[in-house]
N, C-alpha and C. Protein backbone atom coordinates (compact mmCIF):
# COMPACT_ATOMS: atom_id res chain seq x y z
N VAL A 1 -120.58 136.37 -98.55
CA VAL A 1 -121.56 135.22 -98.53
C VAL A 1 -120.75 134.31 -99.37
N ILE A 2 -120.93 132.79 -98.80
CA ILE A 2 -120.54 131.48 -99.52
C ILE A 2 -121.96 131.20 -100.18
N PRO A 3 -122.09 130.94 -101.55
CA PRO A 3 -123.02 130.55 -102.34
C PRO A 3 -123.56 129.16 -101.86
N GLY A 4 -124.88 128.93 -102.06
CA GLY A 4 -125.10 127.39 -101.61
C GLY A 4 -125.77 126.97 -103.05
N GLY A 5 -126.65 125.87 -103.11
CA GLY A 5 -126.91 125.30 -104.09
C GLY A 5 -126.13 124.32 -104.91
N GLU A 6 -126.67 123.74 -106.13
CA GLU A 6 -125.80 122.79 -106.66
C GLU A 6 -124.49 123.04 -107.13
N LYS A 7 -124.17 124.20 -107.16
CA LYS A 7 -122.73 124.46 -107.70
C LYS A 7 -121.43 123.76 -107.04
N TRP A 8 -121.72 123.22 -105.74
CA TRP A 8 -120.64 122.58 -105.21
C TRP A 8 -120.75 121.09 -105.62
N GLU A 9 -121.54 120.72 -106.55
CA GLU A 9 -121.24 119.31 -106.81
C GLU A 9 -120.08 119.23 -107.84
N ASP A 10 -119.70 120.43 -108.42
CA ASP A 10 -118.62 120.19 -109.61
C ASP A 10 -117.20 120.57 -109.10
N VAL A 11 -117.43 120.81 -107.45
CA VAL A 11 -116.08 120.58 -106.65
C VAL A 11 -115.74 119.25 -106.00
N CYS A 12 -116.64 118.59 -106.26
CA CYS A 12 -116.55 117.42 -105.26
C CYS A 12 -115.33 116.87 -104.98
N HIS A 13 -114.20 117.04 -105.68
CA HIS A 13 -112.87 116.33 -105.62
C HIS A 13 -112.05 116.86 -104.93
N LEU A 14 -112.31 118.10 -104.30
CA LEU A 14 -111.27 118.93 -103.53
C LEU A 14 -111.14 118.19 -102.35
N SER A 15 -110.02 118.07 -101.80
CA SER A 15 -109.34 117.46 -100.25
C SER A 15 -109.27 118.60 -99.57
N SER A 16 -108.67 119.79 -99.79
CA SER A 16 -108.74 120.91 -99.04
C SER A 16 -109.40 122.18 -99.41
N LEU A 17 -109.92 122.85 -98.62
CA LEU A 17 -110.58 124.02 -98.88
C LEU A 17 -110.12 124.97 -97.90
N PHE A 18 -109.65 126.14 -97.95
CA PHE A 18 -109.32 127.43 -97.16
C PHE A 18 -109.96 128.64 -97.45
N LEU A 19 -111.12 128.78 -96.69
CA LEU A 19 -111.71 130.21 -97.15
C LEU A 19 -111.48 131.08 -95.70
N ASN A 20 -110.47 130.80 -95.05
CA ASN A 20 -110.18 131.74 -93.74
C ASN A 20 -109.80 133.12 -94.18
N ASP A 21 -109.84 134.13 -93.16
CA ASP A 21 -109.62 135.23 -93.38
C ASP A 21 -110.11 135.97 -94.75
N ASN A 22 -111.39 136.03 -94.85
CA ASN A 22 -111.94 136.60 -96.23
C ASN A 22 -113.07 137.39 -95.95
N ARG A 23 -113.33 137.65 -94.63
CA ARG A 23 -114.48 138.35 -94.02
C ARG A 23 -115.84 138.07 -94.90
N LEU A 24 -116.14 136.65 -94.89
CA LEU A 24 -117.31 136.05 -95.30
C LEU A 24 -118.46 136.28 -94.68
N THR A 25 -119.25 136.41 -95.07
CA THR A 25 -120.57 136.53 -93.97
C THR A 25 -121.74 135.62 -94.51
N GLY A 26 -122.95 135.54 -93.60
CA GLY A 26 -123.86 134.66 -94.04
C GLY A 26 -123.47 133.12 -93.04
N SER A 27 -124.31 132.26 -93.60
CA SER A 27 -124.41 130.94 -92.87
C SER A 27 -123.22 129.94 -93.76
N LEU A 28 -122.80 128.98 -93.42
CA LEU A 28 -122.27 127.94 -93.96
C LEU A 28 -123.05 127.10 -94.73
N PRO A 29 -123.34 126.97 -95.86
CA PRO A 29 -124.20 126.21 -96.59
C PRO A 29 -123.88 124.51 -96.33
N GLY A 30 -125.23 124.16 -95.97
CA GLY A 30 -125.28 122.44 -95.90
C GLY A 30 -125.03 121.96 -97.09
N GLU A 31 -125.22 122.44 -98.13
CA GLU A 31 -124.97 121.94 -99.82
C GLU A 31 -123.56 122.02 -99.93
N LEU A 32 -122.67 122.71 -99.35
CA LEU A 32 -121.25 122.98 -99.36
C LEU A 32 -120.57 121.63 -98.75
N LEU A 33 -121.18 121.61 -97.48
CA LEU A 33 -120.55 120.15 -96.98
C LEU A 33 -121.01 118.95 -97.65
N LEU A 34 -122.37 118.75 -97.90
CA LEU A 34 -122.75 117.49 -98.60
C LEU A 34 -121.89 117.45 -99.91
N GLY A 35 -121.76 118.72 -100.79
CA GLY A 35 -121.09 118.41 -101.96
C GLY A 35 -119.50 117.80 -101.77
N LEU A 36 -118.82 118.31 -100.65
CA LEU A 36 -117.42 117.98 -100.37
C LEU A 36 -117.44 116.86 -99.48
N SER A 37 -118.58 116.01 -99.42
CA SER A 37 -118.51 115.30 -98.18
C SER A 37 -117.68 113.97 -98.35
N SER A 38 -117.20 113.52 -99.44
CA SER A 38 -116.70 112.41 -99.93
C SER A 38 -114.92 112.54 -100.21
N SER A 39 -114.88 113.76 -100.32
CA SER A 39 -113.19 113.95 -100.48
C SER A 39 -112.61 114.95 -99.49
N LEU A 40 -113.31 115.79 -99.09
CA LEU A 40 -112.86 116.82 -97.99
C LEU A 40 -111.83 116.55 -96.72
N THR A 41 -110.84 116.63 -96.50
CA THR A 41 -109.94 116.16 -95.63
C THR A 41 -109.71 117.24 -94.55
N GLU A 42 -109.86 118.67 -95.01
CA GLU A 42 -109.43 119.78 -94.48
C GLU A 42 -110.25 120.90 -94.76
N LEU A 43 -110.94 121.66 -93.79
CA LEU A 43 -111.81 122.86 -93.95
C LEU A 43 -111.49 123.72 -93.25
N ASP A 44 -111.04 124.74 -93.57
CA ASP A 44 -110.73 126.10 -92.61
C ASP A 44 -111.69 127.14 -93.39
N VAL A 45 -112.64 127.61 -92.32
CA VAL A 45 -113.48 128.93 -92.45
C VAL A 45 -113.36 129.64 -91.49
N GLY A 46 -112.08 129.88 -90.79
CA GLY A 46 -111.94 130.45 -89.43
C GLY A 46 -111.66 132.09 -89.90
N ASN A 47 -111.84 133.03 -88.97
CA ASN A 47 -111.43 134.27 -88.81
C ASN A 47 -112.54 135.08 -90.13
N ASN A 48 -113.69 134.73 -89.78
CA ASN A 48 -114.62 135.26 -90.95
C ASN A 48 -115.97 135.96 -89.89
N ALA A 49 -117.08 135.91 -90.54
CA ALA A 49 -117.97 136.35 -90.02
C ALA A 49 -119.30 135.70 -90.07
N LEU A 50 -119.12 134.42 -90.36
CA LEU A 50 -120.26 133.47 -90.74
C LEU A 50 -121.25 133.44 -89.23
N THR A 51 -122.58 133.00 -89.58
CA THR A 51 -123.47 133.13 -88.50
C THR A 51 -124.28 131.88 -88.62
N GLY A 52 -125.14 131.80 -87.86
CA GLY A 52 -125.96 130.39 -87.92
C GLY A 52 -125.40 129.45 -86.94
N THR A 53 -125.71 128.24 -87.16
CA THR A 53 -125.40 126.95 -86.70
C THR A 53 -124.65 126.16 -87.61
N ILE A 54 -123.76 125.27 -87.02
CA ILE A 54 -123.04 124.38 -88.21
C ILE A 54 -124.27 123.17 -88.49
N SER A 55 -124.09 123.04 -89.88
CA SER A 55 -125.10 121.94 -90.31
C SER A 55 -124.74 120.39 -89.87
N SER A 56 -125.79 120.04 -89.86
CA SER A 56 -125.63 118.64 -89.44
C SER A 56 -124.97 117.59 -90.52
N TYR A 57 -124.77 118.17 -92.05
CA TYR A 57 -124.08 117.68 -92.87
C TYR A 57 -122.63 117.61 -92.61
N ILE A 58 -122.24 118.21 -91.45
CA ILE A 58 -121.04 118.05 -91.19
C ILE A 58 -120.59 116.58 -90.99
N GLY A 59 -121.42 116.02 -90.26
CA GLY A 59 -121.24 114.29 -90.02
C GLY A 59 -121.33 113.58 -91.07
N LYS A 60 -121.27 114.04 -92.42
CA LYS A 60 -121.54 112.98 -93.45
C LYS A 60 -120.17 113.37 -94.19
N MET A 61 -119.15 114.06 -93.51
CA MET A 61 -117.95 114.35 -94.13
C MET A 61 -117.01 113.50 -93.52
N THR A 62 -116.98 112.40 -94.07
CA THR A 62 -116.26 110.74 -93.63
C THR A 62 -114.86 110.97 -93.78
N LYS A 63 -114.34 111.72 -94.75
CA LYS A 63 -112.73 111.96 -94.80
C LYS A 63 -112.16 113.16 -93.81
N LEU A 64 -112.80 113.86 -93.43
CA LEU A 64 -112.40 115.02 -92.62
C LEU A 64 -111.59 114.81 -91.59
N GLU A 65 -110.56 115.62 -91.53
CA GLU A 65 -109.39 115.22 -90.70
C GLU A 65 -109.12 116.47 -89.66
N ARG A 66 -109.47 117.49 -90.49
CA ARG A 66 -109.17 119.03 -89.76
C ARG A 66 -110.39 119.81 -90.03
N LEU A 67 -110.84 120.55 -89.00
CA LEU A 67 -112.25 121.75 -88.97
C LEU A 67 -111.67 122.72 -88.52
N ASP A 68 -111.52 124.00 -89.07
CA ASP A 68 -111.14 125.30 -88.57
C ASP A 68 -112.13 126.12 -88.63
N ALA A 69 -113.19 126.33 -87.60
CA ALA A 69 -114.39 127.38 -87.78
C ALA A 69 -114.05 128.72 -86.46
N GLN A 70 -112.84 128.88 -86.31
CA GLN A 70 -112.58 129.51 -85.17
C GLN A 70 -113.12 131.11 -85.64
N SER A 71 -113.15 132.03 -84.67
CA SER A 71 -113.56 133.34 -84.81
C SER A 71 -114.73 133.64 -85.67
N ASN A 72 -115.77 133.14 -85.62
CA ASN A 72 -116.78 133.31 -86.34
C ASN A 72 -117.92 133.87 -85.58
N ARG A 73 -119.34 133.80 -86.09
CA ARG A 73 -120.40 134.04 -84.96
C ARG A 73 -121.54 133.00 -85.03
N PHE A 74 -121.02 131.80 -85.01
CA PHE A 74 -121.83 130.44 -84.75
C PHE A 74 -122.22 130.43 -83.46
N GLN A 75 -123.46 129.77 -83.35
CA GLN A 75 -124.29 129.74 -82.24
C GLN A 75 -125.08 128.30 -82.16
N GLY A 76 -125.69 128.13 -80.92
CA GLY A 76 -126.50 127.23 -80.73
C GLY A 76 -125.41 126.10 -80.33
N SER A 77 -126.34 124.59 -80.63
CA SER A 77 -125.72 123.69 -79.72
C SER A 77 -124.89 123.15 -81.27
N LEU A 78 -124.06 122.07 -81.06
CA LEU A 78 -123.26 121.77 -82.21
C LEU A 78 -124.11 120.29 -82.34
N PRO A 79 -123.99 120.02 -83.91
CA PRO A 79 -125.20 118.79 -84.22
C PRO A 79 -124.71 117.57 -83.38
N GLN A 80 -125.62 116.89 -83.31
CA GLN A 80 -125.09 115.56 -82.70
C GLN A 80 -124.31 114.62 -83.76
N GLU A 81 -124.54 114.81 -85.31
CA GLU A 81 -123.57 114.23 -86.12
C GLU A 81 -122.01 114.55 -85.90
N MET A 82 -121.64 115.43 -84.97
CA MET A 82 -120.28 115.82 -84.76
C MET A 82 -119.57 114.67 -83.87
N ASN A 83 -120.62 113.77 -83.16
CA ASN A 83 -120.20 113.11 -82.28
C ASN A 83 -119.21 111.69 -83.05
N ARG A 84 -119.46 111.16 -84.07
CA ARG A 84 -118.60 110.65 -84.91
C ARG A 84 -117.12 111.11 -85.10
N MET A 85 -117.14 112.16 -85.19
CA MET A 85 -115.68 112.93 -85.42
C MET A 85 -114.76 112.73 -84.37
N TYR A 86 -115.08 112.51 -83.07
CA TYR A 86 -114.27 112.64 -81.93
C TYR A 86 -113.62 111.24 -81.71
N PRO A 87 -112.25 110.58 -81.64
CA PRO A 87 -111.41 111.84 -81.42
C PRO A 87 -110.59 112.03 -82.84
N ASP A 88 -111.23 111.76 -83.77
CA ASP A 88 -110.41 111.54 -84.81
C ASP A 88 -110.24 112.99 -85.86
N VAL A 89 -111.11 113.53 -85.46
CA VAL A 89 -111.21 115.00 -86.26
C VAL A 89 -110.28 116.08 -85.45
N GLN A 90 -109.34 116.96 -85.74
CA GLN A 90 -108.93 118.06 -85.11
C GLN A 90 -109.92 119.25 -85.36
N LEU A 91 -110.60 119.48 -84.43
CA LEU A 91 -111.53 120.64 -84.36
C LEU A 91 -111.18 121.94 -83.47
N ASN A 92 -111.43 123.11 -84.33
CA ASN A 92 -111.22 124.59 -83.64
C ASN A 92 -112.27 125.38 -83.72
N LEU A 93 -113.12 125.44 -82.61
CA LEU A 93 -114.34 126.09 -82.49
C LEU A 93 -114.29 127.20 -81.77
N THR A 94 -113.08 127.85 -81.24
CA THR A 94 -113.13 128.65 -80.17
C THR A 94 -113.53 129.93 -80.86
N ASN A 95 -113.90 131.09 -80.14
CA ASN A 95 -114.06 132.71 -80.38
C ASN A 95 -115.46 132.47 -81.12
N ASN A 96 -116.51 131.73 -81.02
CA ASN A 96 -117.80 131.74 -81.62
C ASN A 96 -118.90 132.70 -80.67
N LEU A 97 -120.08 132.40 -80.83
CA LEU A 97 -120.96 132.92 -79.79
C LEU A 97 -121.38 131.78 -78.98
């Protein structure tokens, strides 16, 4: 499980975060995305067991260049905020529900 809450404010200067292939469960916390929104260029949460929907906070990640969320259990529609990413962000959302 990826913890939510204010803890992510302490890592707000990360440029890359690789959490792939870790058997993570639960949802991808919006607080994580919001806390990293000003610095993160690369986020890889692929090949886990994450569930729920992708948070609309993804649209606040203005420096994001690559998002890999493949092979999880995300479901539902993509947030409208992701429209601003196309075509500048490399997205891999394959093999979800």
